[in-house]
Amino acid sequence: MAVIHVGATDASISRFHKVSIHQNISANTSVTVHAFQGEEGTLNETANWTSPFEGESVGEKFSKTGGLIQELTGGTSKTKLLSAQVWDGNQPFAFDLSLRFFAIQGNADKEVMQPLKWLSKFMAPEMNEDFPIEFNNDNDLSPDLGRAPSDVSLNIAGKIIYRNCKIETKSMNVFGKRDANGNFGRAEVNLSIHSSSTINRSEIDSIFL
């Protein structure tokens, strides 16, 4: 498989200061965008816990009687058990990353512009123009479906690696300084990336190296 590398490809700079995002763009070709770490990079992990019995009590069915007993005795039919937290699933990992690109080798196209382009391509679908299913030509009746964006692999400093992620948002300044050819000499991109699904306990060791 042919692998295209763009961005911060200078091997003299430690991988511990870089972030790499990889996608297979076809059966024979993949692209890896290498970036320098920006000011901030956060990983948000959320476990959902609910109290399904909150507000209920034995006296709930006999609210007037229960209210009268509480008024007369100061007692209550509510228990700690009714406020117990019940696990209701975990959300996928959420990464908010600030990435930087610099033309430190003097090639603004390969080091800055192409990474910006490929990150947009990583997010983009390929939809049919008019119908969900189209046919290639008169002699080939096999259906041609549109394509949703593929997963990407995320590598943060060689220490946090996850292979099934979705890029949800990308933002950048389009009014940055440009060289004589109109290319950015540097750029900063903010990405929101989520894992494709909830992470199991057994997967953690293979993600945090």
N, C-alpha and C. Protein backbone atom coordinates (compact mmCIF):
# COMPACT_ATOMS: atom_id res chain seq x y z
N MET A 1 0.84 -1.20 0.00
CA MET A 1 0.00 0.00 0.00
C MET A 1 0.87 1.25 0.00
N ALA A 2 0.54 2.20 -0.87
CA ALA A 2 1.26 3.47 -0.90
C ALA A 2 0.81 4.35 0.25
N VAL A 3 1.76 4.95 0.95
CA VAL A 3 1.46 5.82 2.08
C VAL A 3 1.97 7.22 1.78
N ILE A 4 1.09 8.19 1.84
CA ILE A 4 1.45 9.59 1.62
C ILE A 4 1.60 10.27 2.97
N HIS A 5 2.74 10.91 3.21
CA HIS A 5 2.99 11.63 4.45
C HIS A 5 3.08 13.13 4.15
N VAL A 6 2.32 13.93 4.89
CA VAL A 6 2.36 15.38 4.72
C VAL A 6 2.40 16.04 6.09
N GLY A 7 2.85 17.30 6.11
CA GLY A 7 2.89 18.04 7.37
C GLY A 7 4.25 18.01 8.01
N ALA A 8 4.29 17.76 9.30
CA ALA A 8 5.54 17.80 10.09
C ALA A 8 6.28 16.48 9.94
N THR A 9 6.91 16.29 8.80
CA THR A 9 7.57 15.02 8.49
C THR A 9 9.05 15.03 8.83
N ASP A 10 9.58 16.13 9.34
CA ASP A 10 11.00 16.24 9.69
C ASP A 10 11.32 15.23 10.80
N ALA A 11 12.11 14.21 10.47
CA ALA A 11 12.41 13.15 11.43
C ALA A 11 13.30 13.61 12.57
N SER A 12 13.94 14.78 12.43
CA SER A 12 14.82 15.28 13.48
C SER A 12 14.04 15.81 14.68
N ILE A 13 12.73 16.03 14.49
CA ILE A 13 11.88 16.52 15.58
C ILE A 13 11.19 15.34 16.23
N SER A 14 11.28 15.23 17.53
CA SER A 14 10.77 14.08 18.28
C SER A 14 9.28 13.87 18.05
N ARG A 15 8.92 12.60 17.93
CA ARG A 15 7.50 12.24 17.79
C ARG A 15 6.71 12.60 19.03
N PHE A 16 7.39 12.80 20.16
CA PHE A 16 6.69 13.16 21.39
C PHE A 16 6.10 14.57 21.33
N HIS A 17 6.44 15.33 20.28
CA HIS A 17 5.89 16.67 20.11
C HIS A 17 4.90 16.73 18.93
N LYS A 18 4.51 15.57 18.43
CA LYS A 18 3.68 15.53 17.23
C LYS A 18 2.38 14.76 17.46
N VAL A 19 1.43 15.04 16.57
CA VAL A 19 0.18 14.29 16.49
C VAL A 19 0.03 13.82 15.05
N SER A 20 -0.33 12.56 14.86
CA SER A 20 -0.52 12.03 13.52
C SER A 20 -1.95 11.52 13.36
N ILE A 21 -2.53 11.81 12.21
CA ILE A 21 -3.89 11.36 11.89
C ILE A 21 -3.82 10.63 10.56
N HIS A 22 -4.32 9.42 10.55
CA HIS A 22 -4.14 8.52 9.40
C HIS A 22 -5.49 8.04 8.89
N GLN A 23 -5.60 7.94 7.56
CA GLN A 23 -6.83 7.39 6.97
C GLN A 23 -6.49 6.61 5.70
N ASN A 24 -7.14 5.46 5.54
CA ASN A 24 -7.04 4.72 4.27
C ASN A 24 -8.03 5.35 3.29
N ILE A 25 -7.51 5.96 2.25
CA ILE A 25 -8.38 6.67 1.31
C ILE A 25 -8.83 5.80 0.15
N SER A 26 -8.17 4.66 -0.04
CA SER A 26 -8.58 3.70 -1.05
C SER A 26 -7.98 2.35 -0.67
N ALA A 27 -8.23 1.35 -1.50
CA ALA A 27 -7.71 0.01 -1.20
C ALA A 27 -6.19 -0.02 -1.28
N ASN A 28 -5.61 0.92 -2.02
CA ASN A 28 -4.17 0.89 -2.26
C ASN A 28 -3.41 2.08 -1.70
N THR A 29 -4.11 3.05 -1.13
CA THR A 29 -3.44 4.28 -0.71
C THR A 29 -3.94 4.74 0.65
N SER A 30 -3.04 5.23 1.47
CA SER A 30 -3.39 5.84 2.75
C SER A 30 -2.63 7.15 2.89
N VAL A 31 -3.17 8.02 3.72
CA VAL A 31 -2.56 9.33 3.95
C VAL A 31 -2.39 9.54 5.44
N THR A 32 -1.23 10.04 5.84
CA THR A 32 -0.98 10.40 7.23
C THR A 32 -0.62 11.87 7.31
N VAL A 33 -1.37 12.61 8.10
CA VAL A 33 -1.09 14.02 8.36
C VAL A 33 -0.35 14.11 9.69
N HIS A 34 0.83 14.71 9.66
CA HIS A 34 1.63 14.90 10.87
C HIS A 34 1.59 16.38 11.26
N ALA A 35 1.32 16.65 12.52
CA ALA A 35 1.21 18.03 13.00
C ALA A 35 2.01 18.19 14.29
N PHE A 36 2.35 19.44 14.59
CA PHE A 36 2.96 19.75 15.88
C PHE A 36 1.84 19.98 16.90
N GLN A 37 2.08 19.59 18.13
CA GLN A 37 1.11 19.83 19.18
C GLN A 37 0.96 21.32 19.42
N GLY A 38 -0.29 21.76 19.58
CA GLY A 38 -0.57 23.16 19.88
C GLY A 38 -0.57 23.41 21.37
N GLU A 39 -1.22 24.50 21.75
CA GLU A 39 -1.24 24.89 23.16
C GLU A 39 -2.05 23.93 24.02
N GLU A 40 -3.15 23.43 23.48
CA GLU A 40 -4.03 22.61 24.30
C GLU A 40 -4.45 21.34 23.57
N GLY A 41 -4.56 20.29 24.35
CA GLY A 41 -5.10 19.03 23.86
C GLY A 41 -5.78 18.34 25.02
N THR A 42 -7.06 18.11 24.92
CA THR A 42 -7.80 17.51 26.03
C THR A 42 -8.48 16.22 25.60
N LEU A 43 -8.57 15.31 26.54
CA LEU A 43 -9.34 14.08 26.38
C LEU A 43 -10.46 14.09 27.40
N ASN A 44 -11.69 14.01 26.93
CA ASN A 44 -12.85 14.02 27.82
C ASN A 44 -13.47 12.62 27.86
N GLU A 45 -13.58 12.08 29.06
CA GLU A 45 -14.19 10.77 29.26
C GLU A 45 -15.42 10.95 30.15
N THR A 46 -16.54 10.42 29.71
CA THR A 46 -17.80 10.62 30.45
C THR A 46 -18.51 9.29 30.68
N ALA A 47 -18.79 9.01 31.95
CA ALA A 47 -19.62 7.86 32.32
C ALA A 47 -20.98 8.40 32.75
N ASN A 48 -22.03 7.84 32.22
CA ASN A 48 -23.39 8.29 32.52
C ASN A 48 -23.97 7.50 33.69
N TRP A 49 -24.33 8.22 34.74
CA TRP A 49 -24.95 7.60 35.92
C TRP A 49 -26.28 8.30 36.18
N THR A 50 -27.31 7.52 36.46
CA THR A 50 -28.64 8.08 36.72
C THR A 50 -29.19 7.51 38.02
N SER A 51 -30.18 8.20 38.57
CA SER A 51 -30.91 7.72 39.76
C SER A 51 -32.34 7.40 39.34
N PRO A 52 -32.58 6.18 38.88
CA PRO A 52 -33.91 5.86 38.31
C PRO A 52 -35.04 5.88 39.33
N PHE A 53 -34.70 5.77 40.63
CA PHE A 53 -35.75 5.75 41.64
C PHE A 53 -35.86 7.05 42.42
N GLU A 54 -35.09 8.05 41.97
CA GLU A 54 -35.06 9.32 42.70
C GLU A 54 -36.46 9.94 42.76
N GLY A 55 -36.85 10.39 43.93
CA GLY A 55 -38.16 11.01 44.11
C GLY A 55 -39.26 10.04 44.48
N GLU A 56 -38.94 8.73 44.41
CA GLU A 56 -39.96 7.75 44.76
C GLU A 56 -39.80 7.32 46.22
N SER A 57 -40.84 6.77 46.78
CA SER A 57 -40.80 6.26 48.15
C SER A 57 -41.97 5.31 48.34
N VAL A 58 -41.92 4.60 49.45
CA VAL A 58 -43.04 3.71 49.76
C VAL A 58 -44.34 4.50 49.87
N GLY A 59 -44.23 5.70 50.41
CA GLY A 59 -45.41 6.53 50.60
C GLY A 59 -45.90 7.20 49.34
N GLU A 60 -45.18 6.98 48.22
CA GLU A 60 -45.57 7.61 46.96
C GLU A 60 -46.97 7.17 46.54
N LYS A 61 -47.30 5.89 46.82
CA LYS A 61 -48.62 5.37 46.43
C LYS A 61 -49.72 5.86 47.37
N PHE A 62 -49.30 6.28 48.55
CA PHE A 62 -50.26 6.76 49.55
C PHE A 62 -49.80 8.13 50.04
N SER A 63 -49.73 9.06 49.10
CA SER A 63 -49.08 10.34 49.37
C SER A 63 -49.73 11.09 50.54
N LYS A 64 -51.05 11.03 50.64
CA LYS A 64 -51.69 11.76 51.73
C LYS A 64 -51.36 11.12 53.08
N THR A 65 -51.41 9.77 53.12
CA THR A 65 -51.08 9.08 54.36
C THR A 65 -49.62 9.29 54.72
N GLY A 66 -48.75 9.16 53.72
CA GLY A 66 -47.33 9.36 53.97
C GLY A 66 -47.03 10.76 54.42
N GLY A 67 -47.70 11.73 53.83
CA GLY A 67 -47.49 13.12 54.23
C GLY A 67 -47.95 13.37 55.65
N LEU A 68 -49.08 12.73 56.03
CA LEU A 68 -49.60 12.89 57.38
C LEU A 68 -48.65 12.28 58.40
N ILE A 69 -48.12 11.08 58.09
CA ILE A 69 -47.19 10.43 59.01
C ILE A 69 -45.93 11.28 59.20
N GLN A 70 -45.45 11.84 58.10
CA GLN A 70 -44.24 12.66 58.20
C GLN A 70 -44.51 13.91 59.03
N GLU A 71 -45.68 14.47 58.85
CA GLU A 71 -46.03 15.67 59.61
C GLU A 71 -46.13 15.37 61.11
N LEU A 72 -46.70 14.19 61.45
CA LEU A 72 -46.91 13.86 62.85
C LEU A 72 -45.65 13.32 63.53
N THR A 73 -44.83 12.57 62.79
CA THR A 73 -43.69 11.88 63.41
C THR A 73 -42.34 12.45 63.02
N GLY A 74 -42.31 13.22 61.93
CA GLY A 74 -41.02 13.69 61.43
C GLY A 74 -40.24 12.61 60.70
N GLY A 75 -40.84 11.44 60.52
CA GLY A 75 -40.19 10.34 59.81
C GLY A 75 -40.45 10.44 58.31
N THR A 76 -39.75 9.62 57.55
CA THR A 76 -39.92 9.60 56.09
C THR A 76 -39.82 8.17 55.59
N SER A 77 -40.53 7.89 54.51
CA SER A 77 -40.48 6.56 53.90
C SER A 77 -39.41 6.48 52.81
N LYS A 78 -38.71 7.55 52.54
CA LYS A 78 -37.64 7.54 51.55
C LYS A 78 -36.40 6.86 52.15
N THR A 79 -35.61 6.17 51.30
CA THR A 79 -34.40 5.48 51.74
C THR A 79 -33.23 5.86 50.85
N LYS A 80 -32.01 5.61 51.34
CA LYS A 80 -30.81 5.87 50.55
C LYS A 80 -30.77 5.01 49.30
N LEU A 81 -31.35 3.81 49.41
CA LEU A 81 -31.35 2.91 48.26
C LEU A 81 -32.04 3.55 47.06
N LEU A 82 -33.08 4.35 47.33
CA LEU A 82 -33.83 4.97 46.24
C LEU A 82 -33.04 6.04 45.51
N SER A 83 -31.93 6.50 46.10
CA SER A 83 -31.09 7.50 45.43
C SER A 83 -29.84 6.87 44.81
N ALA A 84 -29.80 5.54 44.78
CA ALA A 84 -28.62 4.84 44.26
C ALA A 84 -28.39 5.20 42.79
N GLN A 85 -27.13 5.38 42.43
CA GLN A 85 -26.74 5.67 41.05
C GLN A 85 -26.62 4.37 40.26
N VAL A 86 -27.20 4.35 39.08
CA VAL A 86 -27.16 3.18 38.20
C VAL A 86 -26.42 3.56 36.92
N TRP A 87 -25.43 2.76 36.55
CA TRP A 87 -24.65 3.06 35.33
C TRP A 87 -25.53 2.97 34.10
N ASP A 88 -25.44 3.99 33.25
CA ASP A 88 -26.29 4.07 32.07
C ASP A 88 -25.46 4.21 30.80
N GLY A 89 -24.24 3.65 30.82
CA GLY A 89 -23.39 3.66 29.64
C GLY A 89 -22.33 4.75 29.67
N ASN A 90 -21.27 4.54 28.93
CA ASN A 90 -20.21 5.54 28.76
C ASN A 90 -20.29 6.16 27.38
N GLN A 91 -19.92 7.41 27.30
CA GLN A 91 -19.85 8.06 26.00
C GLN A 91 -18.50 7.77 25.34
N PRO A 92 -18.41 7.86 24.03
CA PRO A 92 -17.11 7.68 23.38
C PRO A 92 -16.09 8.70 23.88
N PHE A 93 -14.82 8.35 23.77
CA PHE A 93 -13.76 9.31 24.10
C PHE A 93 -13.92 10.54 23.20
N ALA A 94 -13.67 11.70 23.77
CA ALA A 94 -13.76 12.95 23.00
C ALA A 94 -12.43 13.70 23.13
N PHE A 95 -11.77 13.91 22.00
CA PHE A 95 -10.50 14.64 21.96
C PHE A 95 -10.74 16.03 21.38
N ASP A 96 -10.27 17.06 22.06
CA ASP A 96 -10.25 18.42 21.52
C ASP A 96 -8.79 18.82 21.39
N LEU A 97 -8.33 18.95 20.15
CA LEU A 97 -6.90 19.09 19.89
C LEU A 97 -6.60 20.37 19.13
N SER A 98 -5.54 21.03 19.55
CA SER A 98 -5.00 22.18 18.84
C SER A 98 -3.73 21.72 18.13
N LEU A 99 -3.72 21.82 16.79
CA LEU A 99 -2.59 21.35 15.99
C LEU A 99 -1.96 22.51 15.23
N ARG A 100 -0.65 22.44 15.05
CA ARG A 100 0.07 23.50 14.35
C ARG A 100 0.88 22.94 13.19
N PHE A 101 0.94 23.74 12.14
CA PHE A 101 1.73 23.38 10.97
C PHE A 101 2.65 24.54 10.64
N PHE A 102 3.92 24.21 10.33
CA PHE A 102 4.91 25.22 9.99
C PHE A 102 5.68 24.77 8.75
N ALA A 103 6.05 25.73 7.91
CA ALA A 103 6.89 25.43 6.74
C ALA A 103 8.35 25.53 7.14
N ILE A 104 8.80 24.67 8.06
CA ILE A 104 10.16 24.79 8.57
C ILE A 104 11.20 24.25 7.59
N GLN A 105 10.77 23.45 6.62
CA GLN A 105 11.69 22.96 5.59
C GLN A 105 11.56 23.75 4.30
N GLY A 106 10.78 24.83 4.34
CA GLY A 106 10.65 25.69 3.18
C GLY A 106 9.65 25.23 2.14
N ASN A 107 8.85 24.21 2.46
CA ASN A 107 7.86 23.70 1.51
C ASN A 107 6.46 23.92 2.10
N ALA A 108 5.94 25.13 1.91
CA ALA A 108 4.66 25.49 2.52
C ALA A 108 3.51 24.64 1.99
N ASP A 109 3.61 24.18 0.74
CA ASP A 109 2.54 23.37 0.18
C ASP A 109 2.45 22.03 0.90
N LYS A 110 3.55 21.33 1.02
CA LYS A 110 3.53 20.00 1.64
C LYS A 110 3.40 20.07 3.16
N GLU A 111 3.98 21.09 3.78
CA GLU A 111 4.02 21.14 5.24
C GLU A 111 2.80 21.81 5.86
N VAL A 112 2.12 22.65 5.09
CA VAL A 112 0.98 23.39 5.65
C VAL A 112 -0.30 23.19 4.83
N MET A 113 -0.23 23.50 3.54
CA MET A 113 -1.46 23.50 2.73
C MET A 113 -2.04 22.10 2.51
N GLN A 114 -1.19 21.14 2.19
CA GLN A 114 -1.70 19.78 1.96
C GLN A 114 -2.29 19.16 3.24
N PRO A 115 -1.67 19.33 4.40
CA PRO A 115 -2.32 18.82 5.62
C PRO A 115 -3.70 19.41 5.85
N LEU A 116 -3.84 20.71 5.61
CA LEU A 116 -5.15 21.35 5.79
C LEU A 116 -6.18 20.75 4.84
N LYS A 117 -5.75 20.52 3.61
CA LYS A 117 -6.64 19.93 2.61
C LYS A 117 -7.04 18.51 2.99
N TRP A 118 -6.05 17.71 3.41
CA TRP A 118 -6.35 16.32 3.72
C TRP A 118 -7.23 16.17 4.96
N LEU A 119 -7.06 17.03 5.93
CA LEU A 119 -7.95 16.97 7.10
C LEU A 119 -9.40 17.21 6.70
N SER A 120 -9.60 18.13 5.75
CA SER A 120 -10.97 18.35 5.24
C SER A 120 -11.46 17.13 4.47
N LYS A 121 -10.57 16.52 3.71
CA LYS A 121 -10.96 15.32 2.96
C LYS A 121 -11.30 14.17 3.89
N PHE A 122 -10.55 14.05 4.99
CA PHE A 122 -10.82 12.99 5.96
C PHE A 122 -12.25 13.07 6.49
N MET A 123 -12.79 14.29 6.59
CA MET A 123 -14.13 14.50 7.14
C MET A 123 -15.24 14.36 6.10
N ALA A 124 -14.88 14.45 4.84
CA ALA A 124 -15.89 14.63 3.79
C ALA A 124 -16.46 13.30 3.28
N PRO A 125 -17.76 13.27 2.99
CA PRO A 125 -18.37 12.10 2.36
C PRO A 125 -18.20 12.19 0.84
N GLU A 126 -18.67 11.18 0.15
CA GLU A 126 -18.77 11.22 -1.31
C GLU A 126 -20.16 10.73 -1.66
N MET A 127 -21.08 11.68 -1.83
CA MET A 127 -22.48 11.34 -2.02
C MET A 127 -22.86 11.34 -3.49
N ASN A 128 -23.87 10.53 -3.82
CA ASN A 128 -24.41 10.57 -5.17
C ASN A 128 -25.17 11.88 -5.38
N GLU A 129 -25.26 12.28 -6.63
CA GLU A 129 -25.81 13.60 -6.94
C GLU A 129 -27.32 13.67 -6.74
N ASP A 130 -28.05 12.67 -7.24
CA ASP A 130 -29.50 12.76 -7.26
C ASP A 130 -30.21 11.65 -6.48
N PHE A 131 -29.69 10.42 -6.55
CA PHE A 131 -30.37 9.28 -5.97
C PHE A 131 -29.44 8.55 -5.01
N PRO A 132 -29.99 7.93 -3.95
CA PRO A 132 -29.14 7.20 -3.01
C PRO A 132 -28.34 6.09 -3.67
N ILE A 133 -28.94 5.44 -4.68
CA ILE A 133 -28.26 4.37 -5.41
C ILE A 133 -28.24 4.75 -6.89
N GLU A 134 -27.07 4.73 -7.49
CA GLU A 134 -26.92 4.99 -8.91
C GLU A 134 -26.25 3.81 -9.57
N PHE A 135 -26.35 3.73 -10.90
CA PHE A 135 -25.72 2.65 -11.64
C PHE A 135 -24.59 3.23 -12.48
N ASN A 136 -23.51 2.45 -12.57
CA ASN A 136 -22.28 2.95 -13.17
C ASN A 136 -22.45 3.34 -14.65
N ASN A 137 -23.00 2.43 -15.45
CA ASN A 137 -23.24 2.72 -16.88
C ASN A 137 -24.25 1.71 -17.42
N ASP A 138 -24.54 1.80 -18.72
CA ASP A 138 -25.57 0.95 -19.32
C ASP A 138 -25.20 -0.53 -19.29
N ASN A 139 -23.92 -0.82 -19.30
CA ASN A 139 -23.47 -2.21 -19.36
C ASN A 139 -23.17 -2.80 -17.99
N ASP A 140 -23.21 -1.98 -16.96
CA ASP A 140 -22.91 -2.45 -15.61
C ASP A 140 -24.06 -2.04 -14.70
N LEU A 141 -24.85 -3.02 -14.30
CA LEU A 141 -26.04 -2.74 -13.52
C LEU A 141 -25.80 -2.85 -12.01
N SER A 142 -24.54 -2.97 -11.62
CA SER A 142 -24.25 -3.04 -10.18
C SER A 142 -24.45 -1.66 -9.57
N PRO A 143 -25.09 -1.59 -8.39
CA PRO A 143 -25.38 -0.28 -7.79
C PRO A 143 -24.12 0.40 -7.27
N ASP A 144 -24.10 1.71 -7.37
CA ASP A 144 -22.99 2.51 -6.88
C ASP A 144 -23.53 3.40 -5.76
N LEU A 145 -23.19 3.06 -4.52
CA LEU A 145 -23.67 3.80 -3.37
C LEU A 145 -22.73 4.96 -3.05
N GLY A 146 -23.27 5.99 -2.41
CA GLY A 146 -22.41 7.04 -1.89
C GLY A 146 -21.60 6.50 -0.71
N ARG A 147 -20.62 7.27 -0.28
CA ARG A 147 -19.72 6.81 0.78
C ARG A 147 -19.71 7.81 1.94
N ALA A 148 -19.90 7.30 3.14
CA ALA A 148 -19.74 8.12 4.34
C ALA A 148 -18.25 8.30 4.63
N PRO A 149 -17.88 9.31 5.41
CA PRO A 149 -16.47 9.49 5.76
C PRO A 149 -15.93 8.26 6.50
N SER A 150 -14.72 7.89 6.19
CA SER A 150 -14.08 6.73 6.83
C SER A 150 -13.51 7.12 8.19
N ASP A 151 -13.27 6.11 9.01
CA ASP A 151 -12.61 6.34 10.29
C ASP A 151 -11.17 6.81 10.08
N VAL A 152 -10.64 7.48 11.08
CA VAL A 152 -9.23 7.84 11.09
C VAL A 152 -8.57 7.21 12.31
N SER A 153 -7.26 7.06 12.22
CA SER A 153 -6.47 6.62 13.36
C SER A 153 -5.77 7.83 13.95
N LEU A 154 -5.74 7.91 15.26
CA LEU A 154 -5.15 9.05 15.97
C LEU A 154 -3.95 8.58 16.77
N ASN A 155 -2.85 9.29 16.62
CA ASN A 155 -1.62 8.98 17.35
C ASN A 155 -1.11 10.26 17.99
N ILE A 156 -1.18 10.34 19.31
CA ILE A 156 -0.72 11.53 20.04
C ILE A 156 0.60 11.21 20.70
N ALA A 157 1.68 11.76 20.13
CA ALA A 157 3.02 11.65 20.70
C ALA A 157 3.48 10.20 20.85
N GLY A 158 2.89 9.28 20.11
CA GLY A 158 3.26 7.88 20.22
C GLY A 158 2.85 7.23 21.52
N LYS A 159 2.07 7.95 22.35
CA LYS A 159 1.69 7.45 23.68
C LYS A 159 0.19 7.21 23.83
N ILE A 160 -0.62 7.89 23.02
CA ILE A 160 -2.06 7.65 23.02
C ILE A 160 -2.44 7.33 21.57
N ILE A 161 -2.84 6.10 21.33
CA ILE A 161 -3.13 5.66 19.97
C ILE A 161 -4.51 5.02 19.93
N TYR A 162 -5.38 5.54 19.07
CA TYR A 162 -6.70 4.94 18.89
C TYR A 162 -7.01 4.88 17.41
N ARG A 163 -7.46 3.71 16.95
CA ARG A 163 -7.53 3.45 15.51
C ARG A 163 -8.91 3.64 14.89
N ASN A 164 -9.91 3.90 15.66
CA ASN A 164 -11.26 4.06 15.09
C ASN A 164 -11.89 5.34 15.61
N CYS A 165 -11.65 6.43 14.90
CA CYS A 165 -12.13 7.75 15.34
C CYS A 165 -12.88 8.45 14.22
N LYS A 166 -13.70 9.40 14.63
CA LYS A 166 -14.43 10.26 13.70
C LYS A 166 -14.01 11.71 13.95
N ILE A 167 -13.66 12.43 12.89
CA ILE A 167 -13.42 13.87 13.02
C ILE A 167 -14.78 14.57 12.93
N GLU A 168 -15.17 15.24 14.00
CA GLU A 168 -16.49 15.88 14.03
C GLU A 168 -16.43 17.35 13.62
N THR A 169 -15.43 18.09 14.08
CA THR A 169 -15.33 19.50 13.70
C THR A 169 -13.89 19.86 13.41
N LYS A 170 -13.73 20.82 12.54
CA LYS A 170 -12.41 21.39 12.21
C LYS A 170 -12.59 22.89 12.07
N SER A 171 -11.74 23.67 12.74
CA SER A 171 -11.81 25.12 12.60
C SER A 171 -10.39 25.67 12.47
N MET A 172 -10.27 26.74 11.70
CA MET A 172 -8.97 27.36 11.47
C MET A 172 -9.16 28.79 10.98
N ASN A 173 -8.12 29.58 11.08
CA ASN A 173 -8.12 30.94 10.57
C ASN A 173 -7.73 30.93 9.10
N VAL A 174 -8.61 31.42 8.23
CA VAL A 174 -8.32 31.42 6.79
C VAL A 174 -7.67 32.73 6.34
N PHE A 175 -7.39 33.64 7.29
CA PHE A 175 -6.76 34.91 6.95
C PHE A 175 -5.31 34.98 7.45
N GLY A 176 -4.66 33.83 7.56
CA GLY A 176 -3.28 33.81 8.03
C GLY A 176 -2.31 34.40 7.01
N LYS A 177 -1.06 34.58 7.44
CA LYS A 177 -0.04 35.14 6.55
C LYS A 177 0.32 34.13 5.46
N ARG A 178 0.51 34.65 4.24
CA ARG A 178 0.80 33.80 3.10
C ARG A 178 2.14 34.19 2.47
N ASP A 179 2.72 33.21 1.76
CA ASP A 179 3.98 33.48 1.07
C ASP A 179 3.70 34.02 -0.33
N ALA A 180 4.74 34.12 -1.14
CA ALA A 180 4.60 34.70 -2.48
C ALA A 180 3.70 33.87 -3.38
N ASN A 181 3.53 32.60 -3.04
CA ASN A 181 2.67 31.73 -3.85
C ASN A 181 1.25 31.62 -3.29
N GLY A 182 0.99 32.39 -2.24
CA GLY A 182 -0.35 32.37 -1.64
C GLY A 182 -0.57 31.26 -0.64
N ASN A 183 0.50 30.54 -0.30
CA ASN A 183 0.37 29.45 0.68
C ASN A 183 0.62 29.96 2.09
N PHE A 184 -0.07 29.35 3.05
CA PHE A 184 0.20 29.68 4.45
C PHE A 184 1.61 29.21 4.83
N GLY A 185 2.34 30.07 5.54
CA GLY A 185 3.63 29.66 6.07
C GLY A 185 3.48 28.94 7.39
N ARG A 186 2.34 29.14 8.05
CA ARG A 186 2.01 28.46 9.29
C ARG A 186 0.50 28.47 9.45
N ALA A 187 -0.01 27.55 10.21
CA ALA A 187 -1.46 27.49 10.44
C ALA A 187 -1.72 26.72 11.73
N GLU A 188 -2.82 27.08 12.38
CA GLU A 188 -3.26 26.35 13.57
C GLU A 188 -4.68 25.86 13.32
N VAL A 189 -4.91 24.61 13.65
CA VAL A 189 -6.21 23.96 13.41
C VAL A 189 -6.73 23.38 14.73
N ASN A 190 -8.00 23.56 14.97
CA ASN A 190 -8.65 22.96 16.14
C ASN A 190 -9.57 21.84 15.66
N LEU A 191 -9.35 20.65 16.21
CA LEU A 191 -10.14 19.49 15.81
C LEU A 191 -10.88 18.92 17.01
N SER A 192 -12.10 18.46 16.75
CA SER A 192 -12.86 17.67 17.71
C SER A 192 -12.97 16.27 17.14
N ILE A 193 -12.41 15.30 17.85
CA ILE A 193 -12.36 13.91 17.37
C ILE A 193 -12.95 13.00 18.44
N HIS A 194 -13.85 12.11 18.02
CA HIS A 194 -14.47 11.17 18.95
C HIS A 194 -14.13 9.75 18.53
N SER A 195 -13.96 8.88 19.52
CA SER A 195 -13.83 7.46 19.20
C SER A 195 -15.16 6.98 18.62
N SER A 196 -15.09 5.94 17.79
CA SER A 196 -16.29 5.49 17.09
C SER A 196 -17.31 4.85 18.02
N SER A 197 -16.85 4.41 19.18
CA SER A 197 -17.76 3.76 20.13
C SER A 197 -17.21 3.89 21.54
N THR A 198 -17.96 3.42 22.50
CA THR A 198 -17.51 3.39 23.88
C THR A 198 -16.26 2.51 24.00
N ILE A 199 -15.36 2.90 24.88
CA ILE A 199 -14.12 2.16 25.08
C ILE A 199 -14.28 1.18 26.25
N ASN A 200 -13.96 -0.08 26.02
CA ASN A 200 -14.00 -1.07 27.08
C ASN A 200 -12.75 -0.98 27.96
N ARG A 201 -12.88 -1.42 29.19
CA ARG A 201 -11.75 -1.46 30.11
C ARG A 201 -10.58 -2.24 29.50
N SER A 202 -10.88 -3.35 28.82
CA SER A 202 -9.85 -4.21 28.27
C SER A 202 -9.08 -3.55 27.12
N GLU A 203 -9.61 -2.45 26.57
CA GLU A 203 -8.95 -1.78 25.45
C GLU A 203 -7.98 -0.69 25.92
N ILE A 204 -8.08 -0.27 27.17
CA ILE A 204 -7.33 0.89 27.65
C ILE A 204 -5.82 0.70 27.50
N ASP A 205 -5.32 -0.48 27.84
CA ASP A 205 -3.88 -0.73 27.79
C ASP A 205 -3.32 -0.60 26.38
N SER A 206 -4.15 -0.87 25.36
CA SER A 206 -3.67 -0.76 23.99
C SER A 206 -3.79 0.65 23.44
N ILE A 207 -4.46 1.54 24.19
CA ILE A 207 -4.61 2.93 23.77
C ILE A 207 -3.57 3.82 24.44
N PHE A 208 -3.38 3.65 25.75
CA PHE A 208 -2.40 4.42 26.50
C PHE A 208 -1.13 3.59 26.63
N LEU A 209 -0.10 3.94 25.88
CA LEU A 209 1.12 3.13 25.83
C LEU A 209 2.20 3.67 26.75
